Amino acid sequence: MVRMSDIAFLAPVPLMHLESAARDELDPVAFGSEAWDVLKQLPPDGDDSIPVLIYASLADAIPFVTWRGEFAGWIDPAMTSLAELARMRPASTRADGNPEPLWGSYWLVRRLRQLPTAEWLAIAKLWKRDGSGRLATSFVPEGPILIQAP
């Protein structure tokens, strides 16, 4: 069993969706994923003690955590109305007003905020969940993972 106080949730999210969620003041905000194996290790109703560390992907940025929030749970879209889910999704996920394709799951973040430059965290300074060392200097997250809480 995962001790929630020892972990953090690290994930990439395209910058345009982070900025859209911030503009729309979504709280919580839902981000799509196919990483059921990671999400099922976490409480579906969330746990504010689990920090969410976000790497803004598709931003031509170096691998730093530049956004942060608290883990608010996860959703199985088969168990949630599409209207409820749509209220938590950034407007940028709907292309030309068309509904977005469904992901296999969605993870929720409360109190999403962009970090000031002085608080950015280099991904290479974060520790693997098993404590066996830091993430590789060249590591860039391609999906959500659990790591040791910083």
C-alpha atoms as a PDB file:
ATOM      1  CA  MET A   1       0.000   0.000   0.000  1.00  0.00           C
ATOM      2  CA  VAL A   2       1.255   3.453  -0.903  1.00  0.00           C
ATOM      3  CA  ARG A   3       1.825   5.839   2.020  1.00  0.00           C
ATOM      4  CA  MET A   4       0.225   9.019   0.690  1.00  0.00           C
ATOM      5  CA  SER A   5       2.402  11.319   2.778  1.00  0.00           C
ATOM      6  CA  ASP A   6       5.535  10.014   1.040  1.00  0.00           C
ATOM      7  CA  ILE A   7       4.560  10.484  -2.585  1.00  0.00           C
ATOM      8  CA  ALA A   8       4.012  13.120  -5.214  1.00  0.00           C
ATOM      9  CA  PHE A   9       2.245  12.847  -8.550  1.00  0.00           C
ATOM     10  CA  LEU A  10       4.451  14.030 -11.449  1.00  0.00           C
ATOM     11  CA  ALA A  11       2.823  14.508 -14.847  1.00  0.00           C
ATOM     12  CA  PRO A  12       3.247  16.285 -18.155  1.00  0.00           C
ATOM     13  CA  VAL A  13       0.406  18.519 -19.366  1.00  0.00           C
ATOM     14  CA  PRO A  14       0.509  20.603 -22.541  1.00  0.00           C
ATOM     15  CA  LEU A  15       1.103  24.241 -21.651  1.00  0.00           C
ATOM     16  CA  MET A  16      -1.966  25.426 -23.585  1.00  0.00           C
ATOM     17  CA  HIS A  17      -4.245  23.308 -21.341  1.00  0.00           C
ATOM     18  CA  LEU A  18      -2.598  24.598 -18.154  1.00  0.00           C
ATOM     19  CA  GLU A  19      -3.004  28.208 -19.273  1.00  0.00           C
ATOM     20  CA  SER A  20      -6.608  27.556 -20.345  1.00  0.00           C
ATOM     21  CA  ALA A  21      -7.468  25.988 -16.964  1.00  0.00           C
ATOM     22  CA  ALA A  22      -5.892  28.950 -15.142  1.00  0.00           C
ATOM     23  CA  ARG A  23      -7.746  31.493 -17.324  1.00  0.00           C
ATOM     24  CA  ASP A  24     -11.059  29.728 -16.704  1.00  0.00           C
ATOM     25  CA  GLU A  25     -10.263  29.386 -12.964  1.00  0.00           C
ATOM     26  CA  LEU A  26     -11.182  25.700 -13.004  1.00  0.00           C
ATOM     27  CA  ASP A  27     -11.000  24.110  -9.555  1.00  0.00           C
ATOM     28  CA  PRO A  28     -10.759  21.216  -9.704  1.00  0.00           C
ATOM     29  CA  VAL A  29      -9.459  20.739 -13.216  1.00  0.00           C
ATOM     30  CA  ALA A  30      -9.466  17.346 -14.970  1.00  0.00           C
ATOM     31  CA  PHE A  31      -6.612  16.156 -17.177  1.00  0.00           C
ATOM     32  CA  GLY A  32      -6.902  13.028 -19.328  1.00  0.00           C
ATOM     33  CA  SER A  33      -4.671   9.974 -19.104  1.00  0.00           C
ATOM     34  CA  GLU A  34      -4.437   6.309 -20.014  1.00  0.00           C
ATOM     35  CA  ALA A  35      -2.278   5.609 -16.918  1.00  0.00           C
ATOM     36  CA  TRP A  36      -4.767   3.484 -14.984  1.00  0.00           C
ATOM     37  CA  ASP A  37      -1.911   1.566 -13.374  1.00  0.00           C
ATOM     38  CA  VAL A  38      -0.719   4.776 -11.684  1.00  0.00           C
ATOM     39  CA  LEU A  39      -4.124   6.232 -10.830  1.00  0.00           C
ATOM     40  CA  LYS A  40      -5.470   3.059  -9.213  1.00  0.00           C
ATOM     41  CA  GLN A  41      -2.704   3.328  -6.594  1.00  0.00           C
ATOM     42  CA  LEU A  42      -4.272   6.585  -5.406  1.00  0.00           C
ATOM     43  CA  PRO A  43      -7.555   7.331  -3.629  1.00  0.00           C
ATOM     44  CA  PRO A  44     -10.322   8.057  -6.165  1.00  0.00           C
ATOM     45  CA  ASP A  45     -11.696  10.830  -3.945  1.00  0.00           C
ATOM     46  CA  GLY A  46      -8.300  12.528  -3.695  1.00  0.00           C
ATOM     47  CA  ASP A  47      -5.906  13.458  -0.935  1.00  0.00           C
ATOM     48  CA  ASP A  48      -4.748  17.077  -0.592  1.00  0.00           C
ATOM     49  CA  SER A  49      -1.523  15.874   1.023  1.00  0.00           C
ATOM     50  CA  ILE A  50      -0.365  14.482  -2.342  1.00  0.00           C
ATOM     51  CA  PRO A  51       1.370  17.268  -4.252  1.00  0.00           C
ATOM     52  CA  VAL A  52       0.822  17.356  -7.998  1.00  0.00           C
ATOM     53  CA  LEU A  53       3.943  18.473  -9.855  1.00  0.00           C
ATOM     54  CA  ILE A  54       3.428  19.386 -13.498  1.00  0.00           C
ATOM     55  CA  TYR A  55       5.882  19.645 -16.345  1.00  0.00           C
ATOM     56  CA  ALA A  56       4.448  21.955 -19.021  1.00  0.00           C
ATOM     57  CA  SER A  57       4.926  19.850 -22.144  1.00  0.00           C
ATOM     58  CA  LEU A  58       4.815  21.169 -25.698  1.00  0.00           C
ATOM     59  CA  ALA A  59       6.268  24.428 -24.405  1.00  0.00           C
ATOM     60  CA  ASP A  60       9.828  24.233 -25.771  1.00  0.00           C
ATOM     61  CA  ALA A  61      10.881  24.246 -22.149  1.00  0.00           C
ATOM     62  CA  ILE A  62      13.635  22.477 -20.307  1.00  0.00           C
ATOM     63  CA  PRO A  63      12.458  19.726 -17.947  1.00  0.00           C
ATOM     64  CA  PHE A  64      11.326  21.644 -14.894  1.00  0.00           C
ATOM     65  CA  VAL A  65       8.198  21.434 -12.783  1.00  0.00           C
ATOM     66  CA  THR A  66       6.611  24.826 -13.424  1.00  0.00           C
ATOM     67  CA  TRP A  67       3.039  24.220 -12.199  1.00  0.00           C
ATOM     68  CA  ARG A  68       1.734  22.742  -8.978  1.00  0.00           C
ATOM     69  CA  GLY A  69      -1.485  21.724  -7.251  1.00  0.00           C
ATOM     70  CA  GLU A  70      -3.005  19.131  -4.925  1.00  0.00           C
ATOM     71  CA  PHE A  71      -4.326  15.723  -5.947  1.00  0.00           C
ATOM     72  CA  ALA A  72      -8.140  15.785  -5.968  1.00  0.00           C
ATOM     73  CA  GLY A  73      -8.801  12.239  -7.165  1.00  0.00           C
ATOM     74  CA  TRP A  74      -9.469  10.444 -10.401  1.00  0.00           C
ATOM     75  CA  ILE A  75     -12.487   9.722 -12.572  1.00  0.00           C
ATOM     76  CA  ASP A  76     -13.514   6.759 -14.662  1.00  0.00           C
ATOM     77  CA  PRO A  77     -15.432   8.399 -17.541  1.00  0.00           C
ATOM     78  CA  ALA A  78     -17.770   5.400 -17.723  1.00  0.00           C
ATOM     79  CA  MET A  79     -18.976   6.302 -14.213  1.00  0.00           C
ATOM     80  CA  THR A  80     -19.384  10.073 -14.743  1.00  0.00           C
ATOM     81  CA  SER A  81     -21.697  12.147 -16.883  1.00  0.00           C
ATOM     82  CA  LEU A  82     -20.021  13.811 -19.849  1.00  0.00           C
ATOM     83  CA  ALA A  83     -21.583  17.135 -18.816  1.00  0.00           C
ATOM     84  CA  GLU A  84     -19.976  16.922 -15.354  1.00  0.00           C
ATOM     85  CA  LEU A  85     -16.640  15.993 -16.855  1.00  0.00           C
ATOM     86  CA  ALA A  86     -16.838  18.824 -19.426  1.00  0.00           C
ATOM     87  CA  ARG A  87     -17.245  21.388 -16.596  1.00  0.00           C
ATOM     88  CA  MET A  88     -13.825  20.365 -15.244  1.00  0.00           C
ATOM     89  CA  ARG A  89     -11.945  20.278 -18.555  1.00  0.00           C
ATOM     90  CA  PRO A  90      -9.965  23.209 -19.970  1.00  0.00           C
ATOM     91  CA  ALA A  91     -11.682  24.925 -22.911  1.00  0.00           C
ATOM     92  CA  SER A  92      -8.514  24.304 -24.930  1.00  0.00           C
ATOM     93  CA  THR A  93      -9.313  20.568 -25.016  1.00  0.00           C
ATOM     94  CA  ARG A  94     -12.282  21.186 -27.312  1.00  0.00           C
ATOM     95  CA  ALA A  95     -11.096  21.846 -30.854  1.00  0.00           C
ATOM     96  CA  ASP A  96     -13.322  24.216 -32.842  1.00  0.00           C
ATOM     97  CA  GLY A  97     -16.189  23.691 -30.406  1.00  0.00           C
ATOM     98  CA  ASN A  98     -16.289  19.937 -31.012  1.00  0.00           C
ATOM     99  CA  PRO A  99     -16.320  17.587 -28.031  1.00  0.00           C
ATOM    100  CA  GLU A 100     -12.970  16.102 -27.211  1.00  0.00           C
ATOM    101  CA  PRO A 101     -12.288  12.388 -27.502  1.00  0.00           C
ATOM    102  CA  LEU A 102     -12.613  10.510 -24.217  1.00  0.00           C
ATOM    103  CA  TRP A 103      -9.549   9.429 -22.284  1.00  0.00           C
ATOM    104  CA  GLY A 104      -9.465   6.169 -20.348  1.00  0.00           C
ATOM    105  CA  SER A 105      -9.297   8.111 -17.083  1.00  0.00           C
ATOM    106  CA  TYR A 106      -8.996  11.640 -15.725  1.00  0.00           C
ATOM    107  CA  TRP A 107      -6.993  12.915 -12.785  1.00  0.00           C
ATOM    108  CA  LEU A 108      -8.122  15.963 -10.850  1.00  0.00           C
ATOM    109  CA  VAL A 109      -6.085  18.842  -9.463  1.00  0.00           C
ATOM    110  CA  ARG A 110      -7.197  21.418  -6.897  1.00  0.00           C
ATOM    111  CA  ARG A 111      -5.549  24.811  -6.519  1.00  0.00           C
ATOM    112  CA  LEU A 112      -3.593  24.602  -9.784  1.00  0.00           C
ATOM    113  CA  ARG A 113      -1.050  27.399  -9.970  1.00  0.00           C
ATOM    114  CA  GLN A 114       1.924  28.403 -12.027  1.00  0.00           C
ATOM    115  CA  LEU A 115       5.125  28.587  -9.993  1.00  0.00           C
ATOM    116  CA  PRO A 116       7.284  31.699  -9.984  1.00  0.00           C
ATOM    117  CA  THR A 117      10.615  31.064 -11.708  1.00  0.00           C
ATOM    118  CA  ALA A 118      12.450  30.989  -8.369  1.00  0.00           C
ATOM    119  CA  GLU A 119      10.327  27.957  -7.303  1.00  0.00           C
ATOM    120  CA  TRP A 120      10.784  25.841 -10.437  1.00  0.00           C
ATOM    121  CA  LEU A 121      11.999  22.308  -9.658  1.00  0.00           C
ATOM    122  CA  ALA A 122      14.441  20.565 -11.964  1.00  0.00           C
ATOM    123  CA  ILE A 123      13.014  17.139 -12.730  1.00  0.00           C
ATOM    124  CA  ALA A 124      16.516  15.673 -12.384  1.00  0.00           C
ATOM    125  CA  LYS A 125      16.522  16.730  -8.714  1.00  0.00           C
ATOM    126  CA  LEU A 126      13.408  14.701  -7.904  1.00  0.00           C
ATOM    127  CA  TRP A 127      13.716  11.234  -6.351  1.00  0.00           C
ATOM    128  CA  LYS A 128      12.350   7.938  -7.595  1.00  0.00           C
ATOM    129  CA  ARG A 129       9.515   6.564  -5.520  1.00  0.00           C
ATOM    130  CA  ASP A 130      11.575   3.629  -4.261  1.00  0.00           C
ATOM    131  CA  GLY A 131      14.327   5.957  -3.017  1.00  0.00           C
ATOM    132  CA  SER A 132      16.935   4.330  -5.232  1.00  0.00           C
ATOM    133  CA  GLY A 133      18.136   7.634  -6.630  1.00  0.00           C
ATOM    134  CA  ARG A 134      17.148  10.723  -8.500  1.00  0.00           C
ATOM    135  CA  LEU A 135      15.364  10.739 -11.809  1.00  0.00           C
ATOM    136  CA  ALA A 136      17.797  10.698 -14.729  1.00  0.00           C
ATOM    137  CA  THR A 137      19.128  14.019 -15.975  1.00  0.00           C
ATOM    138  CA  SER A 138      17.585  13.292 -19.373  1.00  0.00           C
ATOM    139  CA  PHE A 139      14.230  12.125 -17.949  1.00  0.00           C
ATOM    140  CA  VAL A 140      11.154  13.893 -19.284  1.00  0.00           C
ATOM    141  CA  PRO A 141       7.797  12.499 -18.132  1.00  0.00           C
ATOM    142  CA  GLU A 142       5.613  11.123 -20.911  1.00  0.00           C
ATOM    143  CA  GLY A 143       2.735  10.306 -18.574  1.00  0.00           C
ATOM    144  CA  PRO A 144       1.884  10.489 -14.865  1.00  0.00           C
ATOM    145  CA  ILE A 145       4.199   8.730 -12.424  1.00  0.00           C
ATOM    146  CA  LEU A 146       4.512   8.556  -8.652  1.00  0.00           C
ATOM    147  CA  ILE A 147       7.726   9.849  -7.108  1.00  0.00           C
ATOM    148  CA  GLN A 148       8.978  10.662  -3.614  1.00  0.00           C
ATOM    149  CA  ALA A 149       7.437  13.863  -2.306  1.00  0.00           C
ATOM    150  CA  PRO A 150       9.980  16.704  -2.507  1.00  0.00           C
END
